[in-house]
């Protein structure tokens, strides 16, 4: 049944992506969408589909998948049900370093931003894990949560401060900081997909070890595993996934919290299934959220990061209250 559910999920993803390409401020018939792929004629509709809507749908799917898988991996590594790239400061660190590089170093271009985002994600994630591990009892869910919240606030404040010092940069980066896939080009996805794919592959190959780690460090070590090595490799996959996502779409929040919990409810606790399902459902969520964002303030569009926040905040509160009761 899991295989059947996965196939159905892929079909839903394909349908949502077709809707994302066809519907918006200007609706385009599905037949025209298909013709733009099979019989491209250079018309305005075909041009819009190929240069704007197809890249937007593909980027939304890739970013949603990466953030969901990164969240699932982080929740195992930290034993924290609300861990995700957005809550543990990874996204905020990547965004700050991109802002820093653009303001003071004059760095531009997607390839350069990708490396800057990966460095920022790695540094902020390393600091959070270090702060959350200080003390005799090592890393605990409470300490890692507090460390993540502190670093998120710290990097977000620095980012806002830099924006105020450079009005030109403020105008260019404000919409990006909210999290958006609008106006993105295929070249931007081409610049980051190798890092996203590498992070995804590492996470999938690590899935069996994550099952053992989820039982506890002591039991994992007793079964011949190295918890420190598993966490290090898992952290590398998270950095690649989150850094690549932030570089192309900005710091989109809550996808990494919502999807892993839904997937565990549907398929259980085996990460060999959790990670693939998280990738597919994360892609569905972000593509659907991007589609919905076009209709909230028609004819203007709301950044998809706002939509994920609207969906994610109630879910975040529910998970936090559930964890407190247990």
C-alpha atoms as a PDB file:
ATOM      1  CA  UNK A   1       0.000   0.000   0.000  1.00  0.00           C
ATOM      2  CA  UNK A   2       2.908   2.352   0.616  1.00  0.00           C
ATOM      3  CA  UNK A   3       3.996   1.897  -2.992  1.00  0.00           C
ATOM      4  CA  UNK A   4       0.435   2.605  -4.144  1.00  0.00           C
ATOM      5  CA  UNK A   5       0.264   5.725  -1.961  1.00  0.00           C
ATOM      6  CA  UNK A   6       3.600   6.929  -3.315  1.00  0.00           C
ATOM      7  CA  UNK A   7       2.441   6.479  -6.910  1.00  0.00           C
ATOM      8  CA  UNK A   8      -0.803   8.311  -6.134  1.00  0.00           C
ATOM      9  CA  UNK A   9       1.175  11.107  -4.521  1.00  0.00           C
ATOM     10  CA  UNK A  10       3.331  11.449  -7.636  1.00  0.00           C
ATOM     11  CA  UNK A  11       0.189  11.668  -9.761  1.00  0.00           C
ATOM     12  CA  UNK A  12      -1.194  14.377  -7.468  1.00  0.00           C
ATOM     13  CA  UNK A  13       2.103  16.248  -7.756  1.00  0.00           C
ATOM     14  CA  UNK A  14       1.917  16.065 -11.556  1.00  0.00           C
ATOM     15  CA  UNK A  15      -1.650  17.372 -11.481  1.00  0.00           C
ATOM     16  CA  UNK A  16      -0.809  20.242  -9.136  1.00  0.00           C
ATOM     17  CA  UNK A  17       2.140  21.240 -11.304  1.00  0.00           C
ATOM     18  CA  UNK A  18      -0.065  21.297 -14.411  1.00  0.00           C
ATOM     19  CA  UNK A  19      -2.519  23.525 -12.537  1.00  0.00           C
ATOM     20  CA  UNK A  20       0.328  25.777 -11.438  1.00  0.00           C
ATOM     21  CA  UNK A  21       1.413  26.188 -15.052  1.00  0.00           C
ATOM     22  CA  UNK A  22      -2.113  26.699 -16.405  1.00  0.00           C
ATOM     23  CA  UNK A  23      -3.763  28.937 -13.805  1.00  0.00           C
ATOM     24  CA  UNK A  24      -2.884  32.373 -12.492  1.00  0.00           C
ATOM     25  CA  UNK A  25      -3.588  36.005 -13.276  1.00  0.00           C
ATOM     26  CA  UNK A  26      -4.096  34.818 -16.861  1.00  0.00           C
ATOM     27  CA  UNK A  27      -5.526  31.331 -17.229  1.00  0.00           C
ATOM     28  CA  UNK A  28      -4.096  29.187 -20.012  1.00  0.00           C
ATOM     29  CA  UNK A  29      -5.909  26.108 -21.346  1.00  0.00           C
ATOM     30  CA  UNK A  30      -4.267  22.811 -20.430  1.00  0.00           C
ATOM     31  CA  UNK A  31      -4.227  21.924 -24.123  1.00  0.00           C
ATOM     32  CA  UNK A  32      -2.082  25.001 -24.794  1.00  0.00           C
ATOM     33  CA  UNK A  33       0.255  23.964 -21.987  1.00  0.00           C
ATOM     34  CA  UNK A  34       0.736  20.584 -23.629  1.00  0.00           C
ATOM     35  CA  UNK A  35       1.222  22.139 -27.067  1.00  0.00           C
ATOM     36  CA  UNK A  36       3.909  24.478 -25.688  1.00  0.00           C
ATOM     37  CA  UNK A  37       5.923  21.382 -24.781  1.00  0.00           C
ATOM     38  CA  UNK A  38       5.247  19.227 -27.820  1.00  0.00           C
ATOM     39  CA  UNK A  39       4.713  21.842 -30.578  1.00  0.00           C
ATOM     40  CA  UNK A  40       6.339  25.083 -29.493  1.00  0.00           C
ATOM     41  CA  UNK A  41       5.430  27.901 -31.901  1.00  0.00           C
ATOM     42  CA  UNK A  42       6.902  30.975 -30.206  1.00  0.00           C
ATOM     43  CA  UNK A  43       3.550  32.581 -29.364  1.00  0.00           C
ATOM     44  CA  UNK A  44       3.147  34.770 -26.282  1.00  0.00           C
ATOM     45  CA  UNK A  45       1.310  32.026 -24.399  1.00  0.00           C
ATOM     46  CA  UNK A  46       3.960  29.438 -25.225  1.00  0.00           C
ATOM     47  CA  UNK A  47       6.697  31.892 -24.278  1.00  0.00           C
ATOM     48  CA  UNK A  48       5.099  32.648 -20.900  1.00  0.00           C
ATOM     49  CA  UNK A  49       4.682  28.949 -20.189  1.00  0.00           C
ATOM     50  CA  UNK A  50       8.265  28.033 -21.043  1.00  0.00           C
ATOM     51  CA  UNK A  51      10.097  31.005 -19.541  1.00  0.00           C
ATOM     52  CA  UNK A  52       7.947  31.810 -16.503  1.00  0.00           C
ATOM     53  CA  UNK A  53       5.455  29.222 -15.361  1.00  0.00           C
ATOM     54  CA  UNK A  54       7.338  25.982 -15.981  1.00  0.00           C
ATOM     55  CA  UNK A  55      10.484  27.212 -14.152  1.00  0.00           C
ATOM     56  CA  UNK A  56       8.290  28.509 -11.314  1.00  0.00           C
ATOM     57  CA  UNK A  57       6.514  25.170 -10.882  1.00  0.00           C
ATOM     58  CA  UNK A  58       9.744  23.166 -11.061  1.00  0.00           C
ATOM     59  CA  UNK A  59      11.512  25.425  -8.555  1.00  0.00           C
ATOM     60  CA  UNK A  60       8.553  25.267  -6.152  1.00  0.00           C
ATOM     61  CA  UNK A  61       8.536  21.462  -6.366  1.00  0.00           C
ATOM     62  CA  UNK A  62      12.296  21.173  -5.863  1.00  0.00           C
ATOM     63  CA  UNK A  63      12.393  23.604  -2.939  1.00  0.00           C
ATOM     64  CA  UNK A  64       9.371  22.015  -1.247  1.00  0.00           C
ATOM     65  CA  UNK A  65      10.893  18.544  -1.543  1.00  0.00           C
ATOM     66  CA  UNK A  66      14.265  19.669  -0.193  1.00  0.00           C
ATOM     67  CA  UNK A  67      12.847  21.565   2.775  1.00  0.00           C
ATOM     68  CA  UNK A  68      10.565  18.669   3.755  1.00  0.00           C
ATOM     69  CA  UNK A  69      13.361  16.094   3.611  1.00  0.00           C
ATOM     70  CA  UNK A  70      15.706  18.439   5.496  1.00  0.00           C
ATOM     71  CA  UNK A  71      13.074  18.821   8.206  1.00  0.00           C
ATOM     72  CA  UNK A  72      12.594  15.049   8.499  1.00  0.00           C
ATOM     73  CA  UNK A  73      16.347  14.507   8.867  1.00  0.00           C
ATOM     74  CA  UNK A  74      16.741  17.321  11.406  1.00  0.00           C
ATOM     75  CA  UNK A  75      13.939  15.970  13.573  1.00  0.00           C
ATOM     76  CA  UNK A  76      15.805  12.678  13.898  1.00  0.00           C
ATOM     77  CA  UNK A  77      19.218  14.241  14.480  1.00  0.00           C
ATOM     78  CA  UNK A  78      17.931  16.555  17.209  1.00  0.00           C
ATOM     79  CA  UNK A  79      15.090  14.377  18.565  1.00  0.00           C
ATOM     80  CA  UNK A  80      13.008  17.529  18.326  1.00  0.00           C
ATOM     81  CA  UNK A  81       9.520  17.351  16.740  1.00  0.00           C
ATOM     82  CA  UNK A  82       9.593  21.019  15.686  1.00  0.00           C
ATOM     83  CA  UNK A  83      13.084  21.009  14.186  1.00  0.00           C
ATOM     84  CA  UNK A  84      13.380  22.336  10.642  1.00  0.00           C
ATOM     85  CA  UNK A  85      15.738  24.583   8.648  1.00  0.00           C
ATOM     86  CA  UNK A  86      13.565  27.572   9.572  1.00  0.00           C
ATOM     87  CA  UNK A  87      13.325  26.951  13.327  1.00  0.00           C
ATOM     88  CA  UNK A  88      16.975  26.012  13.894  1.00  0.00           C
ATOM     89  CA  UNK A  89      18.478  29.065  12.219  1.00  0.00           C
ATOM     90  CA  UNK A  90      19.767  27.350   9.059  1.00  0.00           C
ATOM     91  CA  UNK A  91      17.579  29.387   6.700  1.00  0.00           C
ATOM     92  CA  UNK A  92      18.209  32.624   8.597  1.00  0.00           C
ATOM     93  CA  UNK A  93      21.985  32.098   8.486  1.00  0.00           C
ATOM     94  CA  UNK A  94      21.950  31.414   4.758  1.00  0.00           C
ATOM     95  CA  UNK A  95      19.826  34.515   4.116  1.00  0.00           C
ATOM     96  CA  UNK A  96      22.099  36.716   6.233  1.00  0.00           C
ATOM     97  CA  UNK A  97      25.243  35.617   4.419  1.00  0.00           C
ATOM     98  CA  UNK A  98      23.625  36.284   1.041  1.00  0.00           C
ATOM     99  CA  UNK A  99      22.623  39.754   2.232  1.00  0.00           C
ATOM    100  CA  UNK A 100      26.123  40.332   3.613  1.00  0.00           C
ATOM    101  CA  UNK A 101      27.791  39.239   0.390  1.00  0.00           C
ATOM    102  CA  UNK A 102      25.511  41.372  -1.756  1.00  0.00           C
ATOM    103  CA  UNK A 103      25.882  44.501   0.389  1.00  0.00           C
ATOM    104  CA  UNK A 104      29.607  44.601   1.172  1.00  0.00           C
ATOM    105  CA  UNK A 105      31.260  42.318  -1.363  1.00  0.00           C
ATOM    106  CA  UNK A 106      29.121  43.168  -4.381  1.00  0.00           C
ATOM    107  CA  UNK A 107      28.562  39.486  -5.108  1.00  0.00           C
ATOM    108  CA  UNK A 108      25.817  38.716  -7.586  1.00  0.00           C
ATOM    109  CA  UNK A 109      24.821  35.778  -9.721  1.00  0.00           C
ATOM    110  CA  UNK A 110      23.103  32.554  -8.756  1.00  0.00           C
ATOM    111  CA  UNK A 111      26.238  30.402  -8.629  1.00  0.00           C
ATOM    112  CA  UNK A 112      27.943  32.795  -6.207  1.00  0.00           C
ATOM    113  CA  UNK A 113      24.819  33.114  -4.075  1.00  0.00           C
ATOM    114  CA  UNK A 114      24.576  29.325  -3.872  1.00  0.00           C
ATOM    115  CA  UNK A 115      28.024  28.991  -2.340  1.00  0.00           C
ATOM    116  CA  UNK A 116      27.362  31.886   0.031  1.00  0.00           C
ATOM    117  CA  UNK A 117      24.066  30.312   1.110  1.00  0.00           C
ATOM    118  CA  UNK A 118      25.726  26.947   1.747  1.00  0.00           C
ATOM    119  CA  UNK A 119      28.440  28.589   3.862  1.00  0.00           C
ATOM    120  CA  UNK A 120      25.847  30.535   5.837  1.00  0.00           C
ATOM    121  CA  UNK A 121      23.659  27.472   6.365  1.00  0.00           C
ATOM    122  CA  UNK A 122      26.634  25.390   7.493  1.00  0.00           C
ATOM    123  CA  UNK A 123      27.958  28.018   9.891  1.00  0.00           C
ATOM    124  CA  UNK A 124      24.616  28.806  11.502  1.00  0.00           C
ATOM    125  CA  UNK A 125      23.701  25.124  11.767  1.00  0.00           C
ATOM    126  CA  UNK A 126      27.081  24.336  13.332  1.00  0.00           C
ATOM    127  CA  UNK A 127      26.668  27.088  15.916  1.00  0.00           C
ATOM    128  CA  UNK A 128      23.179  25.854  16.827  1.00  0.00           C
ATOM    129  CA  UNK A 129      24.366  22.260  17.268  1.00  0.00           C
ATOM    130  CA  UNK A 130      27.339  23.466  19.334  1.00  0.00           C
ATOM    131  CA  UNK A 131      25.214  25.621  21.622  1.00  0.00           C
ATOM    132  CA  UNK A 132      22.608  22.890  21.947  1.00  0.00           C
ATOM    133  CA  UNK A 133      25.257  20.339  22.978  1.00  0.00           C
ATOM    134  CA  UNK A 134      26.885  22.361  25.765  1.00  0.00           C
ATOM    135  CA  UNK A 135      26.462  20.820  29.214  1.00  0.00           C
ATOM    136  CA  UNK A 136      26.773  17.448  30.871  1.00  0.00           C
ATOM    137  CA  UNK A 137      23.555  16.071  29.411  1.00  0.00           C
ATOM    138  CA  UNK A 138      24.627  16.851  25.854  1.00  0.00           C
ATOM    139  CA  UNK A 139      22.156  17.864  23.173  1.00  0.00           C
ATOM    140  CA  UNK A 140      18.539  17.881  24.287  1.00  0.00           C
ATOM    141  CA  UNK A 141      15.379  18.939  22.394  1.00  0.00           C
ATOM    142  CA  UNK A 142      14.852  21.934  24.684  1.00  0.00           C
ATOM    143  CA  UNK A 143      18.419  23.231  24.363  1.00  0.00           C
ATOM    144  CA  UNK A 144      18.530  22.775  20.590  1.00  0.00           C
ATOM    145  CA  UNK A 145      15.193  24.594  20.260  1.00  0.00           C
ATOM    146  CA  UNK A 146      16.381  27.530  22.362  1.00  0.00           C
ATOM    147  CA  UNK A 147      19.672  27.684  20.466  1.00  0.00           C
ATOM    148  CA  UNK A 148      17.849  27.603  17.123  1.00  0.00           C
ATOM    149  CA  UNK A 149      15.398  30.322  18.146  1.00  0.00           C
ATOM    150  CA  UNK A 150      18.261  32.496  19.396  1.00  0.00           C
ATOM    151  CA  UNK A 151      20.291  32.140  16.192  1.00  0.00           C
ATOM    152  CA  UNK A 152      17.233  32.723  14.025  1.00  0.00           C
ATOM    153  CA  UNK A 153      16.511  35.966  15.872  1.00  0.00           C
ATOM    154  CA  UNK A 154      20.189  36.961  15.770  1.00  0.00           C
ATOM    155  CA  UNK A 155      20.688  36.454  12.030  1.00  0.00           C
ATOM    156  CA  UNK A 156      17.267  37.924  11.184  1.00  0.00           C
ATOM    157  CA  UNK A 157      18.092  41.079  13.149  1.00  0.00           C
ATOM    158  CA  UNK A 158      21.448  41.427  11.397  1.00  0.00           C
ATOM    159  CA  UNK A 159      19.788  40.942   8.017  1.00  0.00           C
ATOM    160  CA  UNK A 160      17.227  43.651   8.731  1.00  0.00           C
ATOM    161  CA  UNK A 161      19.970  45.976   9.914  1.00  0.00           C
ATOM    162  CA  UNK A 162      21.894  45.504   6.678  1.00  0.00           C
ATOM    163  CA  UNK A 163      18.761  46.168   4.665  1.00  0.00           C
ATOM    164  CA  UNK A 164      18.302  49.531   6.393  1.00  0.00           C
ATOM    165  CA  UNK A 165      21.851  50.598   5.529  1.00  0.00           C
ATOM    166  CA  UNK A 166      21.427  49.953   1.814  1.00  0.00           C
ATOM    167  CA  UNK A 167      18.157  51.211   0.360  1.00  0.00           C
ATOM    168  CA  UNK A 168      18.893  49.844  -3.103  1.00  0.00           C
ATOM    169  CA  UNK A 169      19.618  46.389  -1.750  1.00  0.00           C
ATOM    170  CA  UNK A 170      16.471  46.644   0.388  1.00  0.00           C
ATOM    171  CA  UNK A 171      14.273  46.979  -2.687  1.00  0.00           C
ATOM    172  CA  UNK A 172      15.997  44.105  -4.458  1.00  0.00           C
ATOM    173  CA  UNK A 173      15.962  41.571  -1.649  1.00  0.00           C
ATOM    174  CA  UNK A 174      12.811  42.286   0.384  1.00  0.00           C
ATOM    175  CA  UNK A 175      10.517  39.984  -1.604  1.00  0.00           C
ATOM    176  CA  UNK A 176      13.214  37.311  -1.666  1.00  0.00           C
ATOM    177  CA  UNK A 177      13.574  37.385   2.132  1.00  0.00           C
ATOM    178  CA  UNK A 178       9.879  36.614   2.580  1.00  0.00           C
ATOM    179  CA  UNK A 179      10.312  33.514   0.440  1.00  0.00           C
ATOM    180  CA  UNK A 180       9.104  33.449  -3.140  1.00  0.00           C
ATOM    181  CA  UNK A 181       9.393  31.454  -6.352  1.00  0.00           C
ATOM    182  CA  UNK A 182       7.834  34.135  -8.560  1.00  0.00           C
ATOM    183  CA  UNK A 183      10.019  35.577 -11.294  1.00  0.00           C
ATOM    184  CA  UNK A 184      12.604  32.809 -11.060  1.00  0.00           C
ATOM    185  CA  UNK A 185      14.329  31.508 -14.171  1.00  0.00           C
ATOM    186  CA  UNK A 186      15.402  28.020 -15.148  1.00  0.00           C
ATOM    187  CA  UNK A 187      19.056  29.076 -14.961  1.00  0.00           C
ATOM    188  CA  UNK A 188      18.622  29.653 -11.212  1.00  0.00           C
ATOM    189  CA  UNK A 189      17.403  26.088 -10.710  1.00  0.00           C
ATOM    190  CA  UNK A 190      20.227  24.780 -12.884  1.00  0.00           C
ATOM    191  CA  UNK A 191      22.720  26.515 -10.583  1.00  0.00           C
ATOM    192  CA  UNK A 192      21.469  24.828  -7.394  1.00  0.00           C
ATOM    193  CA  UNK A 193      20.052  21.470  -8.460  1.00  0.00           C
ATOM    194  CA  UNK A 194      23.401  19.602  -8.128  1.00  0.00           C
ATOM    195  CA  UNK A 195      23.561  20.588  -4.448  1.00  0.00           C
ATOM    196  CA  UNK A 196      19.900  19.757  -3.892  1.00  0.00           C
ATOM    197  CA  UNK A 197      20.292  16.382  -5.609  1.00  0.00           C
ATOM    198  CA  UNK A 198      23.446  15.590  -3.623  1.00  0.00           C
ATOM    199  CA  UNK A 199      21.724  16.442  -0.338  1.00  0.00           C
ATOM    200  CA  UNK A 200      18.700  14.343  -1.283  1.00  0.00           C
ATOM    201  CA  UNK A 201      20.853  11.358  -2.263  1.00  0.00           C
ATOM    202  CA  UNK A 202      22.847  11.548   0.980  1.00  0.00           C
ATOM    203  CA  UNK A 203      19.648  11.663   3.032  1.00  0.00           C
ATOM    204  CA  UNK A 204      18.133   8.667   1.209  1.00  0.00           C
ATOM    205  CA  UNK A 205      21.304   6.605   1.598  1.00  0.00           C
ATOM    206  CA  UNK A 206      21.321   7.484   5.301  1.00  0.00           C
ATOM    207  CA  UNK A 207      17.721   6.409   5.893  1.00  0.00           C
ATOM    208  CA  UNK A 208      18.561   3.004   7.436  1.00  0.00           C
ATOM    209  CA  UNK A 209      21.022   4.604   9.824  1.00  0.00           C
ATOM    210  CA  UNK A 210      18.429   7.230  10.780  1.00  0.00           C
ATOM    211  CA  UNK A 211      16.106   4.397  11.822  1.00  0.00           C
ATOM    212  CA  UNK A 212      18.762   3.164  14.242  1.00  0.00           C
ATOM    213  CA  UNK A 213      19.616   6.660  15.472  1.00  0.00           C
ATOM    214  CA  UNK A 214      15.952   7.317  16.220  1.00  0.00           C
ATOM    215  CA  UNK A 215      16.140   4.604  18.897  1.00  0.00           C
ATOM    216  CA  UNK A 216      18.711   6.618  20.845  1.00  0.00           C
ATOM    217  CA  UNK A 217      22.452   7.219  20.718  1.00  0.00           C
ATOM    218  CA  UNK A 218      23.288   4.486  23.227  1.00  0.00           C
ATOM    219  CA  UNK A 219      21.313   1.809  21.420  1.00  0.00           C
ATOM    220  CA  UNK A 220      22.699   2.912  18.054  1.00  0.00           C
ATOM    221  CA  UNK A 221      26.235   2.657  19.400  1.00  0.00           C
ATOM    222  CA  UNK A 222      25.462  -0.758  20.863  1.00  0.00           C
ATOM    223  CA  UNK A 223      24.336  -1.926  17.420  1.00  0.00           C
ATOM    224  CA  UNK A 224      27.679  -0.940  15.936  1.00  0.00           C
ATOM    225  CA  UNK A 225      26.688   2.459  14.569  1.00  0.00           C
ATOM    226  CA  UNK A 226      28.519   5.739  15.121  1.00  0.00           C
ATOM    227  CA  UNK A 227      25.972   8.366  16.197  1.00  0.00           C
ATOM    228  CA  UNK A 228      28.482  11.187  15.710  1.00  0.00           C
ATOM    229  CA  UNK A 229      29.231  10.126  12.128  1.00  0.00           C
ATOM    230  CA  UNK A 230      25.542   9.704  11.300  1.00  0.00           C
ATOM    231  CA  UNK A 231      24.786  13.167  12.665  1.00  0.00           C
ATOM    232  CA  UNK A 232      27.683  14.696  10.759  1.00  0.00           C
ATOM    233  CA  UNK A 233      26.596  13.159   7.441  1.00  0.00           C
ATOM    234  CA  UNK A 234      22.967  14.040   8.148  1.00  0.00           C
ATOM    235  CA  UNK A 235      23.949  17.639   8.911  1.00  0.00           C
ATOM    236  CA  UNK A 236      25.804  17.801   5.586  1.00  0.00           C
ATOM    237  CA  UNK A 237      22.684  16.708   3.721  1.00  0.00           C
ATOM    238  CA  UNK A 238      20.600  19.329   5.566  1.00  0.00           C
ATOM    239  CA  UNK A 239      23.089  22.069   4.666  1.00  0.00           C
ATOM    240  CA  UNK A 240      22.997  21.118   0.984  1.00  0.00           C
ATOM    241  CA  UNK A 241      19.206  20.886   0.920  1.00  0.00           C
ATOM    242  CA  UNK A 242      18.484  24.039   2.913  1.00  0.00           C
ATOM    243  CA  UNK A 243      21.307  26.107   1.433  1.00  0.00           C
ATOM    244  CA  UNK A 244      20.281  25.315  -2.133  1.00  0.00           C
ATOM    245  CA  UNK A 245      16.643  26.081  -1.341  1.00  0.00           C
ATOM    246  CA  UNK A 246      17.395  29.437   0.281  1.00  0.00           C
ATOM    247  CA  UNK A 247      19.701  30.436  -2.577  1.00  0.00           C
ATOM    248  CA  UNK A 248      16.950  30.063  -5.166  1.00  0.00           C
ATOM    249  CA  UNK A 249      13.737  30.856  -3.239  1.00  0.00           C
ATOM    250  CA  UNK A 250      14.642  32.611   0.007  1.00  0.00           C
ATOM    251  CA  UNK A 251      13.984  31.395   3.558  1.00  0.00           C
ATOM    252  CA  UNK A 252      10.590  29.694   3.207  1.00  0.00           C
ATOM    253  CA  UNK A 253       9.382  28.490   6.600  1.00  0.00           C
ATOM    254  CA  UNK A 254       7.266  25.662   8.051  1.00  0.00           C
ATOM    255  CA  UNK A 255       7.429  23.174   5.151  1.00  0.00           C
ATOM    256  CA  UNK A 256      10.023  21.172   7.080  1.00  0.00           C
ATOM    257  CA  UNK A 257       7.759  21.052  10.132  1.00  0.00           C
ATOM    258  CA  UNK A 258       4.404  20.253   8.563  1.00  0.00           C
ATOM    259  CA  UNK A 259       5.261  17.504   6.093  1.00  0.00           C
ATOM    260  CA  UNK A 260       7.355  15.049   8.221  1.00  0.00           C
ATOM    261  CA  UNK A 261       4.584  14.833  10.837  1.00  0.00           C
ATOM    262  CA  UNK A 262       1.933  14.168   8.206  1.00  0.00           C
ATOM    263  CA  UNK A 263       4.140  11.528   6.575  1.00  0.00           C
ATOM    264  CA  UNK A 264       4.846   9.734   9.857  1.00  0.00           C
ATOM    265  CA  UNK A 265       1.109   9.597  10.490  1.00  0.00           C
ATOM    266  CA  UNK A 266       0.544   8.057   7.059  1.00  0.00           C
ATOM    267  CA  UNK A 267       3.444   5.606   6.648  1.00  0.00           C
ATOM    268  CA  UNK A 268       4.923   5.035  10.116  1.00  0.00           C
ATOM    269  CA  UNK A 269       8.430   5.598  11.451  1.00  0.00           C
ATOM    270  CA  UNK A 270      10.585   3.883   8.821  1.00  0.00           C
ATOM    271  CA  UNK A 271      12.758   6.579   7.252  1.00  0.00           C
ATOM    272  CA  UNK A 272      13.203   4.500   4.113  1.00  0.00           C
ATOM    273  CA  UNK A 273       9.605   5.545   3.436  1.00  0.00           C
ATOM    274  CA  UNK A 274       9.456   8.814   5.385  1.00  0.00           C
ATOM    275  CA  UNK A 275      12.086  10.552   3.261  1.00  0.00           C
ATOM    276  CA  UNK A 276      10.645   9.731  -0.205  1.00  0.00           C
ATOM    277  CA  UNK A 277       7.115  10.571   0.924  1.00  0.00           C
ATOM    278  CA  UNK A 278       8.351  13.798   2.537  1.00  0.00           C
ATOM    279  CA  UNK A 279       9.968  14.820  -0.731  1.00  0.00           C
ATOM    280  CA  UNK A 280       6.820  14.232  -2.775  1.00  0.00           C
ATOM    281  CA  UNK A 281       4.373  15.757  -0.270  1.00  0.00           C
ATOM    282  CA  UNK A 282       6.694  18.708   0.350  1.00  0.00           C
ATOM    283  CA  UNK A 283       6.711  19.403  -3.383  1.00  0.00           C
ATOM    284  CA  UNK A 284       2.908  19.155  -3.488  1.00  0.00           C
ATOM    285  CA  UNK A 285       2.544  21.536  -0.545  1.00  0.00           C
ATOM    286  CA  UNK A 286       4.771  24.273  -1.928  1.00  0.00           C
ATOM    287  CA  UNK A 287       3.429  24.083  -5.493  1.00  0.00           C
ATOM    288  CA  UNK A 288      -0.146  24.201  -4.160  1.00  0.00           C
ATOM    289  CA  UNK A 289       0.724  27.062  -1.789  1.00  0.00           C
ATOM    290  CA  UNK A 290       2.285  29.003  -4.661  1.00  0.00           C
ATOM    291  CA  UNK A 291      -0.827  28.415  -6.756  1.00  0.00           C
ATOM    292  CA  UNK A 292      -3.079  29.603  -3.930  1.00  0.00           C
ATOM    293  CA  UNK A 293      -0.953  32.696  -3.335  1.00  0.00           C
ATOM    294  CA  UNK A 294      -1.954  34.003  -6.779  1.00  0.00           C
ATOM    295  CA  UNK A 295      -5.631  34.274  -5.785  1.00  0.00           C
ATOM    296  CA  UNK A 296      -5.464  35.899  -2.330  1.00  0.00           C
ATOM    297  CA  UNK A 297      -4.899  39.455  -3.596  1.00  0.00           C
ATOM    298  CA  UNK A 298      -5.684  39.064  -7.304  1.00  0.00           C
ATOM    299  CA  UNK A 299      -4.338  40.582  -9.580  1.00  0.00           C
ATOM    300  CA  UNK A 300      -1.325  40.978  -7.258  1.00  0.00           C
ATOM    301  CA  UNK A 301       0.458  37.942  -5.865  1.00  0.00           C
ATOM    302  CA  UNK A 302       1.351  37.127  -2.273  1.00  0.00           C
ATOM    303  CA  UNK A 303       4.816  35.561  -1.733  1.00  0.00           C
ATOM    304  CA  UNK A 304       4.561  31.824  -1.142  1.00  0.00           C
ATOM    305  CA  UNK A 305       6.400  32.258   2.168  1.00  0.00           C
ATOM    306  CA  UNK A 306       3.344  34.064   3.487  1.00  0.00           C
ATOM    307  CA  UNK A 307       1.109  31.157   2.464  1.00  0.00           C
ATOM    308  CA  UNK A 308       3.307  28.572   4.176  1.00  0.00           C
ATOM    309  CA  UNK A 309       3.308  30.738   7.318  1.00  0.00           C
ATOM    310  CA  UNK A 310      -0.495  30.896   7.290  1.00  0.00           C
ATOM    311  CA  UNK A 311      -0.610  27.110   7.052  1.00  0.00           C
ATOM    312  CA  UNK A 312       2.329  26.446   9.333  1.00  0.00           C
ATOM    313  CA  UNK A 313       1.711  28.582  12.406  1.00  0.00           C
ATOM    314  CA  UNK A 314      -1.441  26.700  13.555  1.00  0.00           C
ATOM    315  CA  UNK A 315       0.312  23.386  12.856  1.00  0.00           C
ATOM    316  CA  UNK A 316       3.377  24.548  14.801  1.00  0.00           C
ATOM    317  CA  UNK A 317       1.210  25.466  17.796  1.00  0.00           C
ATOM    318  CA  UNK A 318      -0.536  22.076  17.612  1.00  0.00           C
ATOM    319  CA  UNK A 319       2.753  20.152  17.573  1.00  0.00           C
ATOM    320  CA  UNK A 320       4.165  22.251  20.427  1.00  0.00           C
ATOM    321  CA  UNK A 321       1.055  21.687  22.583  1.00  0.00           C
ATOM    322  CA  UNK A 322       1.006  17.983  21.756  1.00  0.00           C
ATOM    323  CA  UNK A 323       4.662  17.665  22.756  1.00  0.00           C
ATOM    324  CA  UNK A 324       3.991  19.479  26.001  1.00  0.00           C
ATOM    325  CA  UNK A 325       1.138  17.117  26.908  1.00  0.00           C
ATOM    326  CA  UNK A 326       3.275  14.053  26.232  1.00  0.00           C
END
